[in-house]
């Protein structure tokens, strides 16, 4: 059996394709990227080629564009639920504070994982891991959120939380 892992990251709520800046060893260039319809079509094509495909979100998902900022991340929930992610981790996703993040997560059909995000009482804020069964194989997935959430981001991102770095 072949297992394909897809990892989406840094979409920042771009619902439509947009030009973005890239760097390689020789140049700086722009390329049209993103747009959830384009992303969904690509994921569908890859899943048709291999039904043993797991999709993960690396975060920076719920913050960035006007529809997301105005809805505090909630505008994207129906789209994300249709994509059938297995799990995600977070970074700017904490941008509306821990309580709003919990609200968003309660509406998703997959978890945000974070073995390194703790409440002030020392309990885990997020589920630390999941086990996904694909065919007869069990895959353990451990989530580690960006370790700078409570260090360099605005205070409201992590109010009542501690993000462990070691």
C-alpha atoms as a PDB file:
ATOM      1  CA  UNK A   1       0.000   0.000   0.000  1.00  0.00           C
ATOM      2  CA  UNK A   2       1.131   3.527  -0.759  1.00  0.00           C
ATOM      3  CA  UNK A   3       0.190   6.240   1.722  1.00  0.00           C
ATOM      4  CA  UNK A   4       0.190   9.839   0.502  1.00  0.00           C
ATOM      5  CA  UNK A   5       0.454  12.696   2.989  1.00  0.00           C
ATOM      6  CA  UNK A   6      -0.744  16.134   1.905  1.00  0.00           C
ATOM      7  CA  UNK A   7       0.190  19.175   3.980  1.00  0.00           C
ATOM      8  CA  UNK A   8      -1.387  22.581   3.421  1.00  0.00           C
ATOM      9  CA  UNK A   9       0.112  25.617   5.118  1.00  0.00           C
ATOM     10  CA  UNK A  10      -0.069  29.418   5.242  1.00  0.00           C
ATOM     11  CA  UNK A  11      -3.235  29.909   3.190  1.00  0.00           C
ATOM     12  CA  UNK A  12      -4.161  32.852   5.472  1.00  0.00           C
ATOM     13  CA  UNK A  13      -7.787  32.797   4.429  1.00  0.00           C
ATOM     14  CA  UNK A  14      -7.250  33.533   0.746  1.00  0.00           C
ATOM     15  CA  UNK A  15     -10.525  32.334  -0.726  1.00  0.00           C
ATOM     16  CA  UNK A  16      -9.508  33.380  -4.246  1.00  0.00           C
ATOM     17  CA  UNK A  17      -6.242  32.838  -6.148  1.00  0.00           C
ATOM     18  CA  UNK A  18      -3.776  35.679  -5.653  1.00  0.00           C
ATOM     19  CA  UNK A  19      -0.240  36.641  -6.666  1.00  0.00           C
ATOM     20  CA  UNK A  20       2.381  35.849  -4.034  1.00  0.00           C
ATOM     21  CA  UNK A  21       6.107  36.498  -3.775  1.00  0.00           C
ATOM     22  CA  UNK A  22       8.567  33.591  -3.933  1.00  0.00           C
ATOM     23  CA  UNK A  23      12.332  33.218  -3.755  1.00  0.00           C
ATOM     24  CA  UNK A  24      14.641  30.587  -5.187  1.00  0.00           C
ATOM     25  CA  UNK A  25      18.421  30.381  -5.428  1.00  0.00           C
ATOM     26  CA  UNK A  26      18.536  32.787  -8.351  1.00  0.00           C
ATOM     27  CA  UNK A  27      15.474  35.055  -8.392  1.00  0.00           C
ATOM     28  CA  UNK A  28      12.543  36.642  -6.718  1.00  0.00           C
ATOM     29  CA  UNK A  29       9.306  36.042  -8.609  1.00  0.00           C
ATOM     30  CA  UNK A  30       5.529  36.155  -8.238  1.00  0.00           C
ATOM     31  CA  UNK A  31       3.157  33.332  -8.949  1.00  0.00           C
ATOM     32  CA  UNK A  32      -0.612  32.954  -8.732  1.00  0.00           C
ATOM     33  CA  UNK A  33      -1.391  30.668  -5.787  1.00  0.00           C
ATOM     34  CA  UNK A  34      -4.151  29.710  -3.407  1.00  0.00           C
ATOM     35  CA  UNK A  35      -7.863  29.918  -3.670  1.00  0.00           C
ATOM     36  CA  UNK A  36      -9.757  27.169  -1.912  1.00  0.00           C
ATOM     37  CA  UNK A  37     -11.555  26.041  -5.095  1.00  0.00           C
ATOM     38  CA  UNK A  38      -8.176  25.427  -6.770  1.00  0.00           C
ATOM     39  CA  UNK A  39      -6.835  23.733  -3.650  1.00  0.00           C
ATOM     40  CA  UNK A  40      -9.951  21.527  -3.376  1.00  0.00           C
ATOM     41  CA  UNK A  41      -9.646  20.480  -7.036  1.00  0.00           C
ATOM     42  CA  UNK A  42      -6.002  19.512  -6.564  1.00  0.00           C
ATOM     43  CA  UNK A  43      -6.788  17.528  -3.406  1.00  0.00           C
ATOM     44  CA  UNK A  44      -9.651  15.747  -5.180  1.00  0.00           C
ATOM     45  CA  UNK A  45      -7.356  14.789  -8.078  1.00  0.00           C
ATOM     46  CA  UNK A  46      -4.695  13.443  -5.723  1.00  0.00           C
ATOM     47  CA  UNK A  47      -7.252  11.460  -3.715  1.00  0.00           C
ATOM     48  CA  UNK A  48      -8.650   9.950  -6.927  1.00  0.00           C
ATOM     49  CA  UNK A  49      -5.147   8.705  -7.744  1.00  0.00           C
ATOM     50  CA  UNK A  50      -4.699   7.231  -4.256  1.00  0.00           C
ATOM     51  CA  UNK A  51      -7.563   6.750  -1.818  1.00  0.00           C
ATOM     52  CA  UNK A  52      -4.964   6.235   0.932  1.00  0.00           C
ATOM     53  CA  UNK A  53      -4.291   9.962   1.186  1.00  0.00           C
ATOM     54  CA  UNK A  54      -4.240  11.932   4.431  1.00  0.00           C
ATOM     55  CA  UNK A  55      -4.625  15.721   4.444  1.00  0.00           C
ATOM     56  CA  UNK A  56      -3.217  17.948   7.198  1.00  0.00           C
ATOM     57  CA  UNK A  57      -3.287  21.709   7.800  1.00  0.00           C
ATOM     58  CA  UNK A  58      -0.127  23.364   9.122  1.00  0.00           C
ATOM     59  CA  UNK A  59      -1.949  26.450  10.336  1.00  0.00           C
ATOM     60  CA  UNK A  60      -2.030  30.132   9.492  1.00  0.00           C
ATOM     61  CA  UNK A  61      -5.519  29.301   8.279  1.00  0.00           C
ATOM     62  CA  UNK A  62      -8.064  31.437  10.180  1.00  0.00           C
ATOM     63  CA  UNK A  63      -6.410  34.843   9.887  1.00  0.00           C
ATOM     64  CA  UNK A  64      -5.344  37.064   7.033  1.00  0.00           C
ATOM     65  CA  UNK A  65      -8.129  38.218   4.717  1.00  0.00           C
ATOM     66  CA  UNK A  66     -11.064  40.536   5.361  1.00  0.00           C
ATOM     67  CA  UNK A  67     -13.773  37.814   5.437  1.00  0.00           C
ATOM     68  CA  UNK A  68     -11.801  35.922   8.080  1.00  0.00           C
ATOM     69  CA  UNK A  69     -10.926  38.948  10.182  1.00  0.00           C
ATOM     70  CA  UNK A  70     -14.545  40.189  10.133  1.00  0.00           C
ATOM     71  CA  UNK A  71     -15.885  36.747  11.099  1.00  0.00           C
ATOM     72  CA  UNK A  72     -13.021  36.008  13.519  1.00  0.00           C
ATOM     73  CA  UNK A  73     -12.097  32.986  11.456  1.00  0.00           C
ATOM     74  CA  UNK A  74     -15.553  31.462  11.151  1.00  0.00           C
ATOM     75  CA  UNK A  75     -16.190  32.264   7.468  1.00  0.00           C
ATOM     76  CA  UNK A  76     -13.865  29.467   6.426  1.00  0.00           C
ATOM     77  CA  UNK A  77     -15.358  26.664   8.539  1.00  0.00           C
ATOM     78  CA  UNK A  78     -17.766  25.196   5.928  1.00  0.00           C
ATOM     79  CA  UNK A  79     -15.022  25.132   3.285  1.00  0.00           C
ATOM     80  CA  UNK A  80     -12.504  23.464   5.592  1.00  0.00           C
ATOM     81  CA  UNK A  81     -15.001  20.823   6.695  1.00  0.00           C
ATOM     82  CA  UNK A  82     -15.614  19.880   3.039  1.00  0.00           C
ATOM     83  CA  UNK A  83     -11.892  19.262   2.444  1.00  0.00           C
ATOM     84  CA  UNK A  84     -11.757  16.388   4.978  1.00  0.00           C
ATOM     85  CA  UNK A  85      -8.595  17.264   6.851  1.00  0.00           C
ATOM     86  CA  UNK A  86      -7.423  14.756   9.457  1.00  0.00           C
ATOM     87  CA  UNK A  87      -5.918  17.389  11.791  1.00  0.00           C
ATOM     88  CA  UNK A  88      -4.161  20.731  11.977  1.00  0.00           C
ATOM     89  CA  UNK A  89      -1.720  22.722  14.097  1.00  0.00           C
ATOM     90  CA  UNK A  90      -1.783  26.442  14.768  1.00  0.00           C
ATOM     91  CA  UNK A  91       0.072  29.751  14.661  1.00  0.00           C
ATOM     92  CA  UNK A  92      -1.861  32.894  13.609  1.00  0.00           C
ATOM     93  CA  UNK A  93      -4.937  30.762  14.224  1.00  0.00           C
ATOM     94  CA  UNK A  94      -4.697  31.940  17.849  1.00  0.00           C
ATOM     95  CA  UNK A  95      -5.171  35.528  16.603  1.00  0.00           C
ATOM     96  CA  UNK A  96      -8.650  35.996  18.070  1.00  0.00           C
ATOM     97  CA  UNK A  97      -7.676  34.545  21.443  1.00  0.00           C
ATOM     98  CA  UNK A  98      -8.013  31.075  22.956  1.00  0.00           C
ATOM     99  CA  UNK A  99     -11.774  31.279  23.569  1.00  0.00           C
ATOM    100  CA  UNK A 100     -12.557  32.144  19.947  1.00  0.00           C
ATOM    101  CA  UNK A 101     -10.164  29.433  18.795  1.00  0.00           C
ATOM    102  CA  UNK A 102     -12.085  26.914  20.934  1.00  0.00           C
ATOM    103  CA  UNK A 103     -15.306  28.173  19.319  1.00  0.00           C
ATOM    104  CA  UNK A 104     -13.870  27.698  15.827  1.00  0.00           C
ATOM    105  CA  UNK A 105     -12.505  24.256  16.680  1.00  0.00           C
ATOM    106  CA  UNK A 106     -15.879  23.141  18.064  1.00  0.00           C
ATOM    107  CA  UNK A 107     -17.318  23.710  14.559  1.00  0.00           C
ATOM    108  CA  UNK A 108     -14.646  21.788  12.662  1.00  0.00           C
ATOM    109  CA  UNK A 109     -14.926  18.086  11.900  1.00  0.00           C
ATOM    110  CA  UNK A 110     -11.232  17.511  12.712  1.00  0.00           C
ATOM    111  CA  UNK A 111      -9.001  18.537  15.648  1.00  0.00           C
ATOM    112  CA  UNK A 112      -6.236  21.052  16.093  1.00  0.00           C
ATOM    113  CA  UNK A 113      -3.344  19.224  17.732  1.00  0.00           C
ATOM    114  CA  UNK A 114      -0.814  20.774  20.085  1.00  0.00           C
ATOM    115  CA  UNK A 115       1.262  18.691  22.451  1.00  0.00           C
ATOM    116  CA  UNK A 116       3.062  21.896  23.435  1.00  0.00           C
ATOM    117  CA  UNK A 117       0.146  24.237  24.292  1.00  0.00           C
ATOM    118  CA  UNK A 118      -0.875  24.317  27.956  1.00  0.00           C
ATOM    119  CA  UNK A 119      -3.443  26.109  30.081  1.00  0.00           C
ATOM    120  CA  UNK A 120      -2.016  28.039  33.037  1.00  0.00           C
ATOM    121  CA  UNK A 121      -2.935  25.121  35.330  1.00  0.00           C
ATOM    122  CA  UNK A 122      -0.629  22.837  33.302  1.00  0.00           C
ATOM    123  CA  UNK A 123      -3.333  20.892  31.474  1.00  0.00           C
ATOM    124  CA  UNK A 124      -3.214  20.575  27.705  1.00  0.00           C
ATOM    125  CA  UNK A 125      -5.233  23.178  25.804  1.00  0.00           C
ATOM    126  CA  UNK A 126      -5.425  21.024  22.666  1.00  0.00           C
ATOM    127  CA  UNK A 127      -5.500  17.342  21.915  1.00  0.00           C
ATOM    128  CA  UNK A 128      -1.823  16.243  21.674  1.00  0.00           C
ATOM    129  CA  UNK A 129      -2.158  13.529  19.016  1.00  0.00           C
ATOM    130  CA  UNK A 130      -4.458  11.329  16.989  1.00  0.00           C
ATOM    131  CA  UNK A 131      -4.173   7.840  15.564  1.00  0.00           C
ATOM    132  CA  UNK A 132      -5.509   7.425  12.036  1.00  0.00           C
ATOM    133  CA  UNK A 133      -6.190   4.011  10.554  1.00  0.00           C
ATOM    134  CA  UNK A 134      -5.554   3.657   6.826  1.00  0.00           C
ATOM    135  CA  UNK A 135      -6.291   0.185   5.581  1.00  0.00           C
ATOM    136  CA  UNK A 136      -4.626  -2.031   8.154  1.00  0.00           C
ATOM    137  CA  UNK A 137      -1.996   0.559   9.113  1.00  0.00           C
ATOM    138  CA  UNK A 138      -2.235   2.823  12.133  1.00  0.00           C
ATOM    139  CA  UNK A 139      -0.573   6.217  11.776  1.00  0.00           C
ATOM    140  CA  UNK A 140       0.244   8.301  14.841  1.00  0.00           C
ATOM    141  CA  UNK A 141       0.093  12.064  14.289  1.00  0.00           C
ATOM    142  CA  UNK A 142       1.542  14.413  16.918  1.00  0.00           C
ATOM    143  CA  UNK A 143       0.756  18.111  16.669  1.00  0.00           C
ATOM    144  CA  UNK A 144       3.248  20.830  17.592  1.00  0.00           C
ATOM    145  CA  UNK A 145       2.009  24.408  17.359  1.00  0.00           C
ATOM    146  CA  UNK A 146       4.294  27.357  16.590  1.00  0.00           C
ATOM    147  CA  UNK A 147       6.389  27.954  19.685  1.00  0.00           C
ATOM    148  CA  UNK A 148       6.322  31.764  19.392  1.00  0.00           C
ATOM    149  CA  UNK A 149       2.593  32.242  20.010  1.00  0.00           C
ATOM    150  CA  UNK A 150       3.106  33.373  23.614  1.00  0.00           C
ATOM    151  CA  UNK A 151       6.496  34.965  23.041  1.00  0.00           C
ATOM    152  CA  UNK A 152       6.407  37.285  20.026  1.00  0.00           C
ATOM    153  CA  UNK A 153       2.731  37.511  19.102  1.00  0.00           C
ATOM    154  CA  UNK A 154       0.276  39.989  20.693  1.00  0.00           C
ATOM    155  CA  UNK A 155      -0.718  39.034  24.260  1.00  0.00           C
ATOM    156  CA  UNK A 156      -4.357  38.309  23.409  1.00  0.00           C
ATOM    157  CA  UNK A 157      -3.264  35.389  21.170  1.00  0.00           C
ATOM    158  CA  UNK A 158      -2.222  33.334  24.172  1.00  0.00           C
ATOM    159  CA  UNK A 159      -4.067  34.807  27.150  1.00  0.00           C
ATOM    160  CA  UNK A 160      -4.095  32.034  29.772  1.00  0.00           C
ATOM    161  CA  UNK A 161      -1.821  29.766  27.725  1.00  0.00           C
ATOM    162  CA  UNK A 162       1.821  28.721  27.766  1.00  0.00           C
ATOM    163  CA  UNK A 163       3.486  27.317  24.649  1.00  0.00           C
ATOM    164  CA  UNK A 164       6.371  25.037  25.542  1.00  0.00           C
ATOM    165  CA  UNK A 165       9.492  25.235  23.431  1.00  0.00           C
ATOM    166  CA  UNK A 166      11.518  22.315  24.751  1.00  0.00           C
END
